[in-house]
């Protein structure tokens, strides 16, 4: 089953691009937002964003200081997930701790092995991700790495 879904994801990514692929991933989880962030010097910049509510007024900032982001931890540790950031000691002192309550992120690498940014799901309410879905996201990120 997962292999077929991964094939579907790869087909969408190749034929329709990263936005459609990100939308596919967002539909699989309860998190409101899914995004691809690109590292740009000392900031992360949104390249693609899916918002289940399609509400521009509450959309996250298009640029985030890298060292103040949850993505920095995802990159440093090769993945990061929390269902309640307010209780996660790894996030102590970060400005979005307790604001973005749930986060799941993985680094994205370019084919040459250089860091590109992150693939992540997040929400302002508590959300969890199953181990199976997290494994699927890891495989999806690996496919994206080949096409970035």
C-alpha atoms as a PDB file:
ATOM      1  CA  UNK A   1       0.000   0.000   0.000  1.00  0.00           C
ATOM      2  CA  UNK A   2       2.688   2.501   1.007  1.00  0.00           C
ATOM      3  CA  UNK A   3       4.697   1.644  -2.100  1.00  0.00           C
ATOM      4  CA  UNK A   4       1.704   2.493  -4.316  1.00  0.00           C
ATOM      5  CA  UNK A   5       1.142   5.762  -2.437  1.00  0.00           C
ATOM      6  CA  UNK A   6       4.820   6.607  -2.780  1.00  0.00           C
ATOM      7  CA  UNK A   7       4.611   5.908  -6.507  1.00  0.00           C
ATOM      8  CA  UNK A   8       1.584   8.220  -6.680  1.00  0.00           C
ATOM      9  CA  UNK A   9       3.525  10.907  -4.831  1.00  0.00           C
ATOM     10  CA  UNK A  10       6.515  10.564  -7.167  1.00  0.00           C
ATOM     11  CA  UNK A  11       4.261  10.769 -10.224  1.00  0.00           C
ATOM     12  CA  UNK A  12       2.600  13.943  -8.904  1.00  0.00           C
ATOM     13  CA  UNK A  13       5.979  15.451  -8.052  1.00  0.00           C
ATOM     14  CA  UNK A  14       7.402  14.730 -11.511  1.00  0.00           C
ATOM     15  CA  UNK A  15       4.359  15.741 -13.561  1.00  0.00           C
ATOM     16  CA  UNK A  16       2.773  18.525 -11.505  1.00  0.00           C
ATOM     17  CA  UNK A  17       5.634  19.894  -9.418  1.00  0.00           C
ATOM     18  CA  UNK A  18       6.358  20.630  -5.791  1.00  0.00           C
ATOM     19  CA  UNK A  19       3.140  22.523  -4.997  1.00  0.00           C
ATOM     20  CA  UNK A  20       0.928  19.614  -6.063  1.00  0.00           C
ATOM     21  CA  UNK A  21       3.213  17.146  -4.276  1.00  0.00           C
ATOM     22  CA  UNK A  22       3.076  19.223  -1.092  1.00  0.00           C
ATOM     23  CA  UNK A  23      -0.716  19.345  -1.338  1.00  0.00           C
ATOM     24  CA  UNK A  24      -0.749  15.542  -1.627  1.00  0.00           C
ATOM     25  CA  UNK A  25       1.325  15.293   1.562  1.00  0.00           C
ATOM     26  CA  UNK A  26      -0.858  17.836   3.384  1.00  0.00           C
ATOM     27  CA  UNK A  27      -4.001  15.834   2.615  1.00  0.00           C
ATOM     28  CA  UNK A  28      -2.486  12.849   4.417  1.00  0.00           C
ATOM     29  CA  UNK A  29      -2.075  14.609   7.781  1.00  0.00           C
ATOM     30  CA  UNK A  30      -4.220  16.584  10.186  1.00  0.00           C
ATOM     31  CA  UNK A  31      -1.742  19.495  10.363  1.00  0.00           C
ATOM     32  CA  UNK A  32      -3.074  22.719   8.896  1.00  0.00           C
ATOM     33  CA  UNK A  33       0.121  23.858   7.186  1.00  0.00           C
ATOM     34  CA  UNK A  34       2.647  22.062   5.022  1.00  0.00           C
ATOM     35  CA  UNK A  35       5.636  23.907   3.626  1.00  0.00           C
ATOM     36  CA  UNK A  36       8.917  23.722   1.825  1.00  0.00           C
ATOM     37  CA  UNK A  37      11.438  26.188   3.218  1.00  0.00           C
ATOM     38  CA  UNK A  38      14.658  27.145   1.436  1.00  0.00           C
ATOM     39  CA  UNK A  39      17.700  28.218   3.408  1.00  0.00           C
ATOM     40  CA  UNK A  40      18.739  31.698   2.281  1.00  0.00           C
ATOM     41  CA  UNK A  41      21.801  32.911   4.190  1.00  0.00           C
ATOM     42  CA  UNK A  42      20.538  33.350   7.778  1.00  0.00           C
ATOM     43  CA  UNK A  43      16.841  32.961   6.984  1.00  0.00           C
ATOM     44  CA  UNK A  44      14.401  30.326   5.848  1.00  0.00           C
ATOM     45  CA  UNK A  45      12.116  31.407   3.035  1.00  0.00           C
ATOM     46  CA  UNK A  46       8.839  29.717   2.111  1.00  0.00           C
ATOM     47  CA  UNK A  47       9.043  28.253  -1.377  1.00  0.00           C
ATOM     48  CA  UNK A  48       5.702  26.425  -1.245  1.00  0.00           C
ATOM     49  CA  UNK A  49       2.938  26.616   1.365  1.00  0.00           C
ATOM     50  CA  UNK A  50      -0.307  24.705   1.740  1.00  0.00           C
ATOM     51  CA  UNK A  51      -2.884  26.016   4.214  1.00  0.00           C
ATOM     52  CA  UNK A  52      -5.921  23.777   4.653  1.00  0.00           C
ATOM     53  CA  UNK A  53      -7.960  26.874   5.544  1.00  0.00           C
ATOM     54  CA  UNK A  54      -6.526  28.933   2.657  1.00  0.00           C
ATOM     55  CA  UNK A  55      -6.467  31.968   4.944  1.00  0.00           C
ATOM     56  CA  UNK A  56      -3.850  34.508   3.843  1.00  0.00           C
ATOM     57  CA  UNK A  57      -4.529  36.663   6.909  1.00  0.00           C
ATOM     58  CA  UNK A  58      -3.190  33.979   9.256  1.00  0.00           C
ATOM     59  CA  UNK A  59      -0.517  32.536   6.986  1.00  0.00           C
ATOM     60  CA  UNK A  60       2.949  32.286   8.511  1.00  0.00           C
ATOM     61  CA  UNK A  61       5.637  34.819   7.702  1.00  0.00           C
ATOM     62  CA  UNK A  62       7.361  34.170   4.385  1.00  0.00           C
ATOM     63  CA  UNK A  63      10.804  34.530   6.027  1.00  0.00           C
ATOM     64  CA  UNK A  64      11.944  33.152   9.369  1.00  0.00           C
ATOM     65  CA  UNK A  65      15.347  33.639  11.029  1.00  0.00           C
ATOM     66  CA  UNK A  66      17.023  30.233  10.717  1.00  0.00           C
ATOM     67  CA  UNK A  67      18.418  30.094  14.250  1.00  0.00           C
ATOM     68  CA  UNK A  68      14.981  30.957  15.702  1.00  0.00           C
ATOM     69  CA  UNK A  69      13.170  28.234  13.771  1.00  0.00           C
ATOM     70  CA  UNK A  70      12.018  24.714  14.527  1.00  0.00           C
ATOM     71  CA  UNK A  71      13.544  23.832  11.143  1.00  0.00           C
ATOM     72  CA  UNK A  72      17.024  24.474  12.538  1.00  0.00           C
ATOM     73  CA  UNK A  73      16.496  21.572  14.942  1.00  0.00           C
ATOM     74  CA  UNK A  74      15.104  19.368  12.153  1.00  0.00           C
ATOM     75  CA  UNK A  75      18.235  20.054  10.113  1.00  0.00           C
ATOM     76  CA  UNK A  76      20.657  19.643  13.008  1.00  0.00           C
ATOM     77  CA  UNK A  77      19.076  16.371  14.165  1.00  0.00           C
ATOM     78  CA  UNK A  78      18.096  15.040  10.687  1.00  0.00           C
ATOM     79  CA  UNK A  79      14.417  15.216  11.733  1.00  0.00           C
ATOM     80  CA  UNK A  80      12.275  16.777  14.404  1.00  0.00           C
ATOM     81  CA  UNK A  81       8.696  16.335  15.527  1.00  0.00           C
ATOM     82  CA  UNK A  82       6.662  17.606  18.428  1.00  0.00           C
ATOM     83  CA  UNK A  83       2.941  17.447  19.077  1.00  0.00           C
ATOM     84  CA  UNK A  84       3.107  20.210  21.711  1.00  0.00           C
ATOM     85  CA  UNK A  85       5.975  22.671  21.406  1.00  0.00           C
ATOM     86  CA  UNK A  86       5.016  24.386  24.680  1.00  0.00           C
ATOM     87  CA  UNK A  87       6.200  21.269  26.522  1.00  0.00           C
ATOM     88  CA  UNK A  88       9.260  20.503  24.392  1.00  0.00           C
ATOM     89  CA  UNK A  89      12.498  21.526  26.149  1.00  0.00           C
ATOM     90  CA  UNK A  90      14.437  21.489  22.841  1.00  0.00           C
ATOM     91  CA  UNK A  91      12.459  24.565  21.840  1.00  0.00           C
ATOM     92  CA  UNK A  92      12.992  26.601  25.001  1.00  0.00           C
ATOM     93  CA  UNK A  93      13.668  30.224  24.117  1.00  0.00           C
ATOM     94  CA  UNK A  94      12.415  30.057  20.520  1.00  0.00           C
ATOM     95  CA  UNK A  95       9.798  32.704  19.696  1.00  0.00           C
ATOM     96  CA  UNK A  96       7.300  30.252  18.158  1.00  0.00           C
ATOM     97  CA  UNK A  97       7.375  27.807  21.074  1.00  0.00           C
ATOM     98  CA  UNK A  98       3.777  27.455  22.212  1.00  0.00           C
ATOM     99  CA  UNK A  99       2.533  29.395  19.154  1.00  0.00           C
ATOM    100  CA  UNK A 100       3.108  26.708  16.559  1.00  0.00           C
ATOM    101  CA  UNK A 101       2.186  23.802  18.800  1.00  0.00           C
ATOM    102  CA  UNK A 102       2.807  20.913  16.458  1.00  0.00           C
ATOM    103  CA  UNK A 103       5.658  20.499  13.999  1.00  0.00           C
ATOM    104  CA  UNK A 104       7.151  17.725  11.903  1.00  0.00           C
ATOM    105  CA  UNK A 105      10.196  18.563   9.785  1.00  0.00           C
ATOM    106  CA  UNK A 106      12.879  16.941   7.687  1.00  0.00           C
ATOM    107  CA  UNK A 107      15.875  18.437   5.911  1.00  0.00           C
ATOM    108  CA  UNK A 108      15.895  18.643   2.133  1.00  0.00           C
ATOM    109  CA  UNK A 109      19.194  18.251   0.315  1.00  0.00           C
ATOM    110  CA  UNK A 110      20.168  19.133  -3.223  1.00  0.00           C
ATOM    111  CA  UNK A 111      21.573  16.405  -5.454  1.00  0.00           C
ATOM    112  CA  UNK A 112      25.090  17.744  -4.915  1.00  0.00           C
ATOM    113  CA  UNK A 113      24.639  17.102  -1.187  1.00  0.00           C
ATOM    114  CA  UNK A 114      24.159  20.746  -0.232  1.00  0.00           C
ATOM    115  CA  UNK A 115      21.451  21.683   2.240  1.00  0.00           C
ATOM    116  CA  UNK A 116      18.397  23.120   0.495  1.00  0.00           C
ATOM    117  CA  UNK A 117      15.972  23.623   3.389  1.00  0.00           C
ATOM    118  CA  UNK A 118      13.143  21.687   5.003  1.00  0.00           C
ATOM    119  CA  UNK A 119       9.913  19.869   4.317  1.00  0.00           C
ATOM    120  CA  UNK A 120       7.491  20.278   7.209  1.00  0.00           C
ATOM    121  CA  UNK A 121       3.953  20.063   8.553  1.00  0.00           C
ATOM    122  CA  UNK A 122       2.847  22.327  11.401  1.00  0.00           C
ATOM    123  CA  UNK A 123      -0.184  23.696  13.190  1.00  0.00           C
ATOM    124  CA  UNK A 124      -1.240  26.116  15.902  1.00  0.00           C
ATOM    125  CA  UNK A 125      -3.047  23.296  17.715  1.00  0.00           C
ATOM    126  CA  UNK A 126      -1.773  19.963  18.982  1.00  0.00           C
ATOM    127  CA  UNK A 127      -1.464  17.408  16.212  1.00  0.00           C
ATOM    128  CA  UNK A 128       0.328  14.096  16.134  1.00  0.00           C
ATOM    129  CA  UNK A 129       1.727  12.085  13.256  1.00  0.00           C
ATOM    130  CA  UNK A 130       1.767   8.301  13.192  1.00  0.00           C
ATOM    131  CA  UNK A 131       5.032   6.425  12.861  1.00  0.00           C
ATOM    132  CA  UNK A 132       3.849   5.063   9.505  1.00  0.00           C
ATOM    133  CA  UNK A 133       3.055   8.549   8.197  1.00  0.00           C
ATOM    134  CA  UNK A 134       6.377   9.887   9.463  1.00  0.00           C
ATOM    135  CA  UNK A 135       8.154   7.046   7.616  1.00  0.00           C
ATOM    136  CA  UNK A 136       6.187   7.941   4.477  1.00  0.00           C
ATOM    137  CA  UNK A 137       7.225  11.597   4.853  1.00  0.00           C
ATOM    138  CA  UNK A 138      10.862  10.523   5.125  1.00  0.00           C
ATOM    139  CA  UNK A 139      10.547   8.565   1.881  1.00  0.00           C
ATOM    140  CA  UNK A 140       8.783  11.488   0.203  1.00  0.00           C
ATOM    141  CA  UNK A 141      11.581  13.837   1.303  1.00  0.00           C
ATOM    142  CA  UNK A 142      14.149  11.443  -0.181  1.00  0.00           C
ATOM    143  CA  UNK A 143      12.297  11.597  -3.515  1.00  0.00           C
ATOM    144  CA  UNK A 144      12.157  15.388  -3.339  1.00  0.00           C
ATOM    145  CA  UNK A 145      15.906  15.469  -2.696  1.00  0.00           C
ATOM    146  CA  UNK A 146      16.497  13.875  -6.091  1.00  0.00           C
ATOM    147  CA  UNK A 147      14.453  16.547  -7.865  1.00  0.00           C
ATOM    148  CA  UNK A 148      15.512  19.742  -6.106  1.00  0.00           C
END
